[in-house]
Amino acid sequence: KCYLYSGKDGSLLRTYTCATAGETFGFDTTSLGDMNGD
């Protein structure tokens, strides 16, 4: 699972939870910038 926190006040903005057993989603994370133009 990954947690997105506000850099302003530390509040939790969103979580991303994987549903595949053993996947280890979140082993590493990085920002890519705006890949999809939204």
PDB file of all heavy atoms in Angstrom:
ATOM      1  N   LYS A   1       0.854  -1.182   0.000  1.00  0.00           N
ATOM      2  CA  LYS A   1       0.000   0.000   0.000  1.00  0.00           C
ATOM      3  C   LYS A   1       0.891   1.233   0.000  1.00  0.00           C
ATOM      4  O   LYS A   1       1.998   1.207   0.537  1.00  0.00           O
ATOM      5  CB  LYS A   1      -0.867  -0.030   1.268  1.00  0.00           C
ATOM      6  CG  LYS A   1      -1.888   1.050   1.426  1.00  0.00           C
ATOM      7  CD  LYS A   1      -2.718   0.765   2.694  1.00  0.00           C
ATOM      8  CE  LYS A   1      -3.830   1.735   2.914  1.00  0.00           C
ATOM      9  NZ  LYS A   1      -4.641   1.381   4.101  1.00  0.00           N
ATOM     10  N   CYS A   2       0.411   2.330  -0.591  1.00  0.00           N
ATOM     11  CA  CYS A   2       1.127   3.605  -0.572  1.00  0.00           C
ATOM     12  C   CYS A   2       0.230   4.683   0.017  1.00  0.00           C
ATOM     13  O   CYS A   2      -0.986   4.659  -0.170  1.00  0.00           O
ATOM     14  CB  CYS A   2       1.556   4.019  -1.979  1.00  0.00           C
ATOM     15  SG  CYS A   2       2.891   3.015  -2.642  1.00  0.00           S
ATOM     16  N   TYR A   3       0.857   5.616   0.712  1.00  0.00           N
ATOM     17  CA  TYR A   3       0.164   6.704   1.387  1.00  0.00           C
ATOM     18  C   TYR A   3       0.658   8.031   0.826  1.00  0.00           C
ATOM     19  O   TYR A   3       1.874   8.258   0.766  1.00  0.00           O
ATOM     20  CB  TYR A   3       0.458   6.677   2.884  1.00  0.00           C
ATOM     21  CG  TYR A   3       0.073   5.386   3.550  1.00  0.00           C
ATOM     22  CD1 TYR A   3       0.883   4.258   3.452  1.00  0.00           C
ATOM     23  CD2 TYR A   3      -1.099   5.299   4.282  1.00  0.00           C
ATOM     24  CE1 TYR A   3       0.535   3.074   4.070  1.00  0.00           C
ATOM     25  CE2 TYR A   3      -1.458   4.112   4.907  1.00  0.00           C
ATOM     26  CZ  TYR A   3      -0.628   3.006   4.796  1.00  0.00           C
ATOM     27  OH  TYR A   3      -0.980   1.827   5.409  1.00  0.00           O
ATOM     28  N   LEU A   4      -0.249   8.888   0.432  1.00  0.00           N
ATOM     29  CA  LEU A   4       0.083  10.214  -0.070  1.00  0.00           C
ATOM     30  C   LEU A   4      -0.257  11.232   1.018  1.00  0.00           C
ATOM     31  O   LEU A   4      -1.416  11.350   1.420  1.00  0.00           O
ATOM     32  CB  LEU A   4      -0.716  10.503  -1.348  1.00  0.00           C
ATOM     33  CG  LEU A   4      -0.465  11.832  -2.032  1.00  0.00           C
ATOM     34  CD1 LEU A   4       0.985  11.953  -2.502  1.00  0.00           C
ATOM     35  CD2 LEU A   4      -1.422  11.984  -3.211  1.00  0.00           C
ATOM     36  N   TYR A   5       0.773  11.928   1.510  1.00  0.00           N
ATOM     37  CA  TYR A   5       0.609  12.890   2.601  1.00  0.00           C
ATOM     38  C   TYR A   5       0.841  14.317   2.124  1.00  0.00           C
ATOM     39  O   TYR A   5       1.720  14.563   1.283  1.00  0.00           O
ATOM     40  CB  TYR A   5       1.614  12.612   3.723  1.00  0.00           C
ATOM     41  CG  TYR A   5       1.359  11.348   4.484  1.00  0.00           C
ATOM     42  CD1 TYR A   5       2.073  10.197   4.202  1.00  0.00           C
ATOM     43  CD2 TYR A   5       0.419  11.310   5.500  1.00  0.00           C
ATOM     44  CE1 TYR A   5       1.857   9.036   4.924  1.00  0.00           C
ATOM     45  CE2 TYR A   5       0.189  10.145   6.219  1.00  0.00           C
ATOM     46  CZ  TYR A   5       0.916   9.015   5.929  1.00  0.00           C
ATOM     47  OH  TYR A   5       0.703   7.854   6.633  1.00  0.00           O
ATOM     48  N   SER A   6       0.125  15.254   2.720  1.00  0.00           N
ATOM     49  CA  SER A   6       0.313  16.672   2.462  1.00  0.00           C
ATOM     50  C   SER A   6       1.640  17.136   3.044  1.00  0.00           C
ATOM     51  O   SER A   6       1.949  16.843   4.205  1.00  0.00           O
ATOM     52  CB  SER A   6      -0.829  17.475   3.104  1.00  0.00           C
ATOM     53  OG  SER A   6      -0.517  18.851   3.117  1.00  0.00           O
ATOM     54  N   GLY A   7       2.414  17.860   2.250  1.00  0.00           N
ATOM     55  CA  GLY A   7       3.652  18.450   2.738  1.00  0.00           C
ATOM     56  C   GLY A   7       3.411  19.717   3.538  1.00  0.00           C
ATOM     57  O   GLY A   7       4.306  20.210   4.216  1.00  0.00           O
ATOM     58  N   LYS A   8       2.208  20.230   3.468  1.00  0.00           N
ATOM     59  CA  LYS A   8       1.871  21.450   4.214  1.00  0.00           C
ATOM     60  C   LYS A   8       1.533  21.149   5.669  1.00  0.00           C
ATOM     61  O   LYS A   8       2.050  21.776   6.579  1.00  0.00           O
ATOM     62  CB  LYS A   8       0.692  22.162   3.555  1.00  0.00           C
ATOM     63  CG  LYS A   8       0.284  23.443   4.265  1.00  0.00           C
ATOM     64  CD  LYS A   8      -0.856  24.136   3.536  1.00  0.00           C
ATOM     65  CE  LYS A   8      -1.241  25.424   4.243  1.00  0.00           C
ATOM     66  NZ  LYS A   8      -2.312  26.120   3.538  1.00  0.00           N
ATOM     67  N   ASP A   9       0.638  20.146   5.877  1.00  0.00           N
ATOM     68  CA  ASP A   9       0.187  19.881   7.240  1.00  0.00           C
ATOM     69  C   ASP A   9       0.297  18.414   7.668  1.00  0.00           C
ATOM     70  O   ASP A   9      -0.084  18.059   8.768  1.00  0.00           O
ATOM     71  CB  ASP A   9      -1.249  20.363   7.430  1.00  0.00           C
ATOM     72  CG  ASP A   9      -2.250  19.670   6.520  1.00  0.00           C
ATOM     73  OD1 ASP A   9      -1.934  18.621   5.925  1.00  0.00           O
ATOM     74  OD2 ASP A   9      -3.382  20.191   6.401  1.00  0.00           O
ATOM     75  N   GLY A  10       0.818  17.548   6.792  1.00  0.00           N
ATOM     76  CA  GLY A  10       0.994  16.139   7.129  1.00  0.00           C
ATOM     77  C   GLY A  10      -0.255  15.288   7.055  1.00  0.00           C
ATOM     78  O   GLY A  10      -0.230  14.107   7.372  1.00  0.00           O
ATOM     79  N   SER A  11      -1.372  15.864   6.610  1.00  0.00           N
ATOM     80  CA  SER A  11      -2.615  15.093   6.533  1.00  0.00           C
ATOM     81  C   SER A  11      -2.544  14.054   5.411  1.00  0.00           C
ATOM     82  O   SER A  11      -1.841  14.234   4.413  1.00  0.00           O
ATOM     83  CB  SER A  11      -3.811  16.021   6.321  1.00  0.00           C
ATOM     84  OG  SER A  11      -3.714  16.686   5.078  1.00  0.00           O
ATOM     85  N   LEU A  12      -3.272  12.964   5.593  1.00  0.00           N
ATOM     86  CA  LEU A  12      -3.341  11.918   4.579  1.00  0.00           C
ATOM     87  C   LEU A  12      -4.268  12.374   3.461  1.00  0.00           C
ATOM     88  O   LEU A  12      -5.437  12.668   3.695  1.00  0.00           O
ATOM     89  CB  LEU A  12      -3.860  10.615   5.200  1.00  0.00           C
ATOM     90  CG  LEU A  12      -3.940   9.411   4.280  1.00  0.00           C
ATOM     91  CD1 LEU A  12      -2.558   9.016   3.772  1.00  0.00           C
ATOM     92  CD2 LEU A  12      -4.588   8.241   5.014  1.00  0.00           C
ATOM     93  N   LEU A  13      -3.728  12.434   2.238  1.00  0.00           N
ATOM     94  CA  LEU A  13      -4.514  12.877   1.086  1.00  0.00           C
ATOM     95  C   LEU A  13      -5.197  11.705   0.381  1.00  0.00           C
ATOM     96  O   LEU A  13      -6.317  11.832  -0.107  1.00  0.00           O
ATOM     97  CB  LEU A  13      -3.630  13.617   0.084  1.00  0.00           C
ATOM     98  CG  LEU A  13      -2.938  14.875   0.593  1.00  0.00           C
ATOM     99  CD1 LEU A  13      -1.985  15.419  -0.466  1.00  0.00           C
ATOM    100  CD2 LEU A  13      -3.978  15.925   0.976  1.00  0.00           C
ATOM    101  N   ARG A  14      -4.477  10.560   0.305  1.00  0.00           N
ATOM    102  CA  ARG A  14      -5.003   9.427  -0.460  1.00  0.00           C
ATOM    103  C   ARG A  14      -4.165   8.199  -0.166  1.00  0.00           C
ATOM    104  O   ARG A  14      -3.003   8.301   0.185  1.00  0.00           O
ATOM    105  CB  ARG A  14      -4.946   9.761  -1.942  1.00  0.00           C
ATOM    106  CG  ARG A  14      -5.538   8.714  -2.840  1.00  0.00           C
ATOM    107  CD  ARG A  14      -5.653   9.217  -4.239  1.00  0.00           C
ATOM    108  NE  ARG A  14      -6.417   8.261  -5.009  1.00  0.00           N
ATOM    109  CZ  ARG A  14      -6.854   8.487  -6.210  1.00  0.00           C
ATOM    110  NH1 ARG A  14      -6.629   9.642  -6.796  1.00  0.00           N
ATOM    111  NH2 ARG A  14      -7.537   7.582  -6.860  1.00  0.00           N
ATOM    112  N   THR A  15      -4.770   7.032  -0.345  1.00  0.00           N
ATOM    113  CA  THR A  15      -4.022   5.781  -0.287  1.00  0.00           C
ATOM    114  C   THR A  15      -4.205   5.032  -1.602  1.00  0.00           C
ATOM    115  O   THR A  15      -5.206   5.205  -2.295  1.00  0.00           O
ATOM    116  CB  THR A  15      -4.475   4.873   0.879  1.00  0.00           C
ATOM    117  OG1 THR A  15      -5.849   4.562   0.721  1.00  0.00           O
ATOM    118  CG2 THR A  15      -4.217   5.540   2.223  1.00  0.00           C
ATOM    119  N   TYR A  16      -3.216   4.215  -1.916  1.00  0.00           N
ATOM    120  CA  TYR A  16      -3.257   3.328  -3.078  1.00  0.00           C
ATOM    121  C   TYR A  16      -2.993   1.928  -2.541  1.00  0.00           C
ATOM    122  O   TYR A  16      -1.905   1.651  -2.032  1.00  0.00           O
ATOM    123  CB  TYR A  16      -2.184   3.709  -4.095  1.00  0.00           C
ATOM    124  CG  TYR A  16      -2.311   5.130  -4.606  1.00  0.00           C
ATOM    125  CD1 TYR A  16      -1.674   6.187  -3.953  1.00  0.00           C
ATOM    126  CD2 TYR A  16      -3.054   5.414  -5.740  1.00  0.00           C
ATOM    127  CE1 TYR A  16      -1.784   7.485  -4.419  1.00  0.00           C
ATOM    128  CE2 TYR A  16      -3.175   6.715  -6.209  1.00  0.00           C
ATOM    129  CZ  TYR A  16      -2.529   7.739  -5.544  1.00  0.00           C
ATOM    130  OH  TYR A  16      -2.654   9.029  -6.007  1.00  0.00           O
ATOM    131  N   THR A  17      -3.981   1.040  -2.628  1.00  0.00           N
ATOM    132  CA  THR A  17      -3.886  -0.293  -2.038  1.00  0.00           C
ATOM    133  C   THR A  17      -3.880  -1.349  -3.128  1.00  0.00           C
ATOM    134  O   THR A  17      -4.784  -1.384  -3.966  1.00  0.00           O
ATOM    135  CB  THR A  17      -5.072  -0.548  -1.078  1.00  0.00           C
ATOM    136  OG1 THR A  17      -5.100   0.501  -0.098  1.00  0.00           O
ATOM    137  CG2 THR A  17      -4.947  -1.881  -0.385  1.00  0.00           C
ATOM    138  N   CYS A  18      -2.886  -2.218  -3.104  1.00  0.00           N
ATOM    139  CA  CYS A  18      -2.788  -3.314  -4.070  1.00  0.00           C
ATOM    140  C   CYS A  18      -3.616  -4.497  -3.581  1.00  0.00           C
ATOM    141  O   CYS A  18      -3.727  -4.731  -2.378  1.00  0.00           O
ATOM    142  CB  CYS A  18      -1.323  -3.720  -4.227  1.00  0.00           C
ATOM    143  SG  CYS A  18      -1.055  -4.993  -5.471  1.00  0.00           S
ATOM    144  N   ALA A  19      -4.193  -5.249  -4.503  1.00  0.00           N
ATOM    145  CA  ALA A  19      -5.030  -6.400  -4.154  1.00  0.00           C
ATOM    146  C   ALA A  19      -4.434  -7.723  -4.629  1.00  0.00           C
ATOM    147  O   ALA A  19      -5.113  -8.750  -4.606  1.00  0.00           O
ATOM    148  CB  ALA A  19      -6.431  -6.216  -4.735  1.00  0.00           C
ATOM    149  N   THR A  20      -3.171  -7.722  -5.043  1.00  0.00           N
ATOM    150  CA  THR A  20      -2.515  -8.940  -5.516  1.00  0.00           C
ATOM    151  C   THR A  20      -1.586  -9.471  -4.434  1.00  0.00           C
ATOM    152  O   THR A  20      -0.604  -8.801  -4.082  1.00  0.00           O
ATOM    153  CB  THR A  20      -1.721  -8.671  -6.811  1.00  0.00           C
ATOM    154  OG1 THR A  20      -2.605  -8.131  -7.790  1.00  0.00           O
ATOM    155  CG2 THR A  20      -1.083  -9.937  -7.333  1.00  0.00           C
ATOM    156  N   ALA A  21      -1.865 -10.638  -3.898  1.00  0.00           N
ATOM    157  CA  ALA A  21      -1.056 -11.218  -2.822  1.00  0.00           C
ATOM    158  C   ALA A  21       0.412 -11.315  -3.219  1.00  0.00           C
ATOM    159  O   ALA A  21       0.736 -11.699  -4.351  1.00  0.00           O
ATOM    160  CB  ALA A  21      -1.589 -12.597  -2.454  1.00  0.00           C
ATOM    161  N   GLY A  22       1.296 -10.920  -2.304  1.00  0.00           N
ATOM    162  CA  GLY A  22       2.729 -11.024  -2.518  1.00  0.00           C
ATOM    163  C   GLY A  22       3.317 -10.000  -3.464  1.00  0.00           C
ATOM    164  O   GLY A  22       4.499 -10.054  -3.787  1.00  0.00           O
ATOM    165  N   GLU A  23       2.552  -9.051  -3.907  1.00  0.00           N
ATOM    166  CA  GLU A  23       3.016  -8.081  -4.914  1.00  0.00           C
ATOM    167  C   GLU A  23       4.101  -7.145  -4.384  1.00  0.00           C
ATOM    168  O   GLU A  23       4.960  -6.716  -5.111  1.00  0.00           O
ATOM    169  CB  GLU A  23       1.823  -7.265  -5.417  1.00  0.00           C
ATOM    170  CG  GLU A  23       2.116  -6.433  -6.636  1.00  0.00           C
ATOM    171  CD  GLU A  23       2.267  -7.255  -7.906  1.00  0.00           C
ATOM    172  OE1 GLU A  23       1.940  -8.446  -7.939  1.00  0.00           O
ATOM    173  OE2 GLU A  23       2.742  -6.684  -8.901  1.00  0.00           O
ATOM    174  N   THR A  24       4.054  -6.780  -3.125  1.00  0.00           N
ATOM    175  CA  THR A  24       4.991  -5.848  -2.475  1.00  0.00           C
ATOM    176  C   THR A  24       4.950  -4.455  -3.098  1.00  0.00           C
ATOM    177  O   THR A  24       5.956  -3.772  -3.196  1.00  0.00           O
ATOM    178  CB  THR A  24       6.437  -6.387  -2.427  1.00  0.00           C
ATOM    179  OG1 THR A  24       6.983  -6.455  -3.750  1.00  0.00           O
ATOM    180  CG2 THR A  24       6.513  -7.736  -1.730  1.00  0.00           C
ATOM    181  N   PHE A  25       3.774  -4.020  -3.477  1.00  0.00           N
ATOM    182  CA  PHE A  25       3.528  -2.695  -4.035  1.00  0.00           C
ATOM    183  C   PHE A  25       3.960  -1.640  -3.023  1.00  0.00           C
ATOM    184  O   PHE A  25       3.579  -1.692  -1.859  1.00  0.00           O
ATOM    185  CB  PHE A  25       2.032  -2.576  -4.330  1.00  0.00           C
ATOM    186  CG  PHE A  25       1.567  -1.262  -4.888  1.00  0.00           C
ATOM    187  CD1 PHE A  25       1.699  -0.983  -6.229  1.00  0.00           C
ATOM    188  CD2 PHE A  25       0.958  -0.329  -4.078  1.00  0.00           C
ATOM    189  CE1 PHE A  25       1.239   0.206  -6.759  1.00  0.00           C
ATOM    190  CE2 PHE A  25       0.489   0.871  -4.582  1.00  0.00           C
ATOM    191  CZ  PHE A  25       0.634   1.139  -5.936  1.00  0.00           C
ATOM    192  N   GLY A  26       4.776  -0.703  -3.456  1.00  0.00           N
ATOM    193  CA  GLY A  26       5.272   0.339  -2.567  1.00  0.00           C
ATOM    194  C   GLY A  26       6.687   0.086  -2.093  1.00  0.00           C
ATOM    195  O   GLY A  26       7.199   0.803  -1.242  1.00  0.00           O
ATOM    196  N   PHE A  27       7.347  -0.940  -2.638  1.00  0.00           N
ATOM    197  CA  PHE A  27       8.728  -1.230  -2.260  1.00  0.00           C
ATOM    198  C   PHE A  27       9.610  -0.006  -2.488  1.00  0.00           C
ATOM    199  O   PHE A  27      10.505   0.284  -1.720  1.00  0.00           O
ATOM    200  CB  PHE A  27       9.244  -2.432  -3.062  1.00  0.00           C
ATOM    201  CG  PHE A  27      10.556  -2.958  -2.578  1.00  0.00           C
ATOM    202  CD1 PHE A  27      10.596  -3.873  -1.531  1.00  0.00           C
ATOM    203  CD2 PHE A  27      11.750  -2.551  -3.148  1.00  0.00           C
ATOM    204  CE1 PHE A  27      11.811  -4.365  -1.076  1.00  0.00           C
ATOM    205  CE2 PHE A  27      12.957  -3.033  -2.699  1.00  0.00           C
ATOM    206  CZ  PHE A  27      12.986  -3.945  -1.660  1.00  0.00           C
ATOM    207  N   ASP A  28       9.319   0.727  -3.551  1.00  0.00           N
ATOM    208  CA  ASP A  28       9.978   2.003  -3.805  1.00  0.00           C
ATOM    209  C   ASP A  28       8.981   2.898  -4.531  1.00  0.00           C
ATOM    210  O   ASP A  28       8.085   2.408  -5.216  1.00  0.00           O
ATOM    211  CB  ASP A  28      11.235   1.813  -4.650  1.00  0.00           C
ATOM    212  CG  ASP A  28      12.236   2.937  -4.503  1.00  0.00           C
ATOM    213  OD1 ASP A  28      12.000   3.862  -3.692  1.00  0.00           O
ATOM    214  OD2 ASP A  28      13.267   2.916  -5.194  1.00  0.00           O
ATOM    215  N   THR A  29       9.131   4.209  -4.360  1.00  0.00           N
ATOM    216  CA  THR A  29       8.234   5.167  -4.995  1.00  0.00           C
ATOM    217  C   THR A  29       9.029   6.366  -5.484  1.00  0.00           C
ATOM    218  O   THR A  29      10.058   6.710  -4.915  1.00  0.00           O
ATOM    219  CB  THR A  29       7.155   5.681  -4.014  1.00  0.00           C
ATOM    220  OG1 THR A  29       7.792   6.372  -2.945  1.00  0.00           O
ATOM    221  CG2 THR A  29       6.319   4.551  -3.457  1.00  0.00           C
ATOM    222  N   THR A  30       8.543   6.987  -6.539  1.00  0.00           N
ATOM    223  CA  THR A  30       9.133   8.237  -7.004  1.00  0.00           C
ATOM    224  C   THR A  30       8.102   9.010  -7.813  1.00  0.00           C
ATOM    225  O   THR A  30       7.163   8.432  -8.356  1.00  0.00           O
ATOM    226  CB  THR A  30      10.417   7.995  -7.833  1.00  0.00           C
ATOM    227  OG1 THR A  30      11.093   9.220  -8.035  1.00  0.00           O
ATOM    228  CG2 THR A  30      10.109   7.349  -9.173  1.00  0.00           C
ATOM    229  N   SER A  31       8.293  10.300  -7.867  1.00  0.00           N
ATOM    230  CA  SER A  31       7.418  11.141  -8.678  1.00  0.00           C
ATOM    231  C   SER A  31       7.935  11.158 -10.110  1.00  0.00           C
ATOM    232  O   SER A  31       9.143  11.147 -10.340  1.00  0.00           O
ATOM    233  CB  SER A  31       7.397  12.563  -8.115  1.00  0.00           C
ATOM    234  OG  SER A  31       6.610  13.394  -8.930  1.00  0.00           O
ATOM    235  N   LEU A  32       7.025  11.196 -11.057  1.00  0.00           N
ATOM    236  CA  LEU A  32       7.393  11.238 -12.471  1.00  0.00           C
ATOM    237  C   LEU A  32       7.072  12.569 -13.124  1.00  0.00           C
ATOM    238  O   LEU A  32       7.346  12.755 -14.298  1.00  0.00           O
ATOM    239  CB  LEU A  32       6.645  10.139 -13.237  1.00  0.00           C
ATOM    240  CG  LEU A  32       6.978   8.714 -12.861  1.00  0.00           C
ATOM    241  CD1 LEU A  32       6.034   7.753 -13.579  1.00  0.00           C
ATOM    242  CD2 LEU A  32       8.419   8.407 -13.223  1.00  0.00           C
ATOM    243  N   GLY A  33       6.455  13.475 -12.392  1.00  0.00           N
ATOM    244  CA  GLY A  33       5.919  14.666 -13.033  1.00  0.00           C
ATOM    245  C   GLY A  33       4.560  14.324 -13.614  1.00  0.00           C
ATOM    246  O   GLY A  33       3.973  13.291 -13.304  1.00  0.00           O
ATOM    247  N   ASP A  34       4.059  15.159 -14.479  1.00  0.00           N
ATOM    248  CA  ASP A  34       2.726  14.971 -15.051  1.00  0.00           C
ATOM    249  C   ASP A  34       2.816  14.166 -16.337  1.00  0.00           C
ATOM    250  O   ASP A  34       2.929  14.725 -17.429  1.00  0.00           O
ATOM    251  CB  ASP A  34       2.081  16.336 -15.292  1.00  0.00           C
ATOM    252  CG  ASP A  34       0.659  16.231 -15.803  1.00  0.00           C
ATOM    253  OD1 ASP A  34       0.091  15.119 -15.811  1.00  0.00           O
ATOM    254  OD2 ASP A  34       0.119  17.271 -16.197  1.00  0.00           O
ATOM    255  N   MET A  35       2.744  12.852 -16.232  1.00  0.00           N
ATOM    256  CA  MET A  35       2.870  11.959 -17.398  1.00  0.00           C
ATOM    257  C   MET A  35       1.658  11.990 -18.324  1.00  0.00           C
ATOM    258  O   MET A  35       1.792  11.841 -19.526  1.00  0.00           O
ATOM    259  CB  MET A  35       3.086  10.513 -16.928  1.00  0.00           C
ATOM    260  CG  MET A  35       4.351  10.293 -16.143  1.00  0.00           C
ATOM    261  SD  MET A  35       5.823  10.306 -17.146  1.00  0.00           S
ATOM    262  CE  MET A  35       5.597   8.844 -18.118  1.00  0.00           C
ATOM    263  N   ASN A  36       0.459  12.159 -17.773  1.00  0.00           N
ATOM    264  CA  ASN A  36      -0.745  12.045 -18.591  1.00  0.00           C
ATOM    265  C   ASN A  36      -1.391  13.388 -18.931  1.00  0.00           C
ATOM    266  O   ASN A  36      -2.472  13.429 -19.489  1.00  0.00           O
ATOM    267  CB  ASN A  36      -1.770  11.114 -17.919  1.00  0.00           C
ATOM    268  CG  ASN A  36      -2.194  11.587 -16.547  1.00  0.00           C
ATOM    269  OD1 ASN A  36      -1.724  12.609 -16.058  1.00  0.00           O
ATOM    270  ND2 ASN A  36      -3.072  10.829 -15.920  1.00  0.00           N
ATOM    271  N   GLY A  37      -0.731  14.496 -18.590  1.00  0.00           N
ATOM    272  CA  GLY A  37      -1.196  15.812 -19.007  1.00  0.00           C
ATOM    273  C   GLY A  37      -2.437  16.326 -18.307  1.00  0.00           C
ATOM    274  O   GLY A  37      -3.097  17.235 -18.810  1.00  0.00           O
ATOM    275  N   ASP A  38      -2.749  15.786 -17.115  1.00  0.00           N
ATOM    276  CA  ASP A  38      -3.956  16.239 -16.419  1.00  0.00           C
ATOM    277  C   ASP A  38      -3.670  17.327 -15.375  1.00  0.00           C
ATOM    278  O   ASP A  38      -4.557  17.742 -14.654  1.00  0.00           O
ATOM    279  CB  ASP A  38      -4.688  15.067 -15.763  1.00  0.00           C
ATOM    280  CG  ASP A  38      -3.916  14.433 -14.618  1.00  0.00           C
ATOM    281  OD1 ASP A  38      -2.739  14.813 -14.375  1.00  0.00           O
ATOM    282  OD2 ASP A  38      -4.471  13.533 -13.961  1.00  0.00           O
TER     283      ASP A  38
END
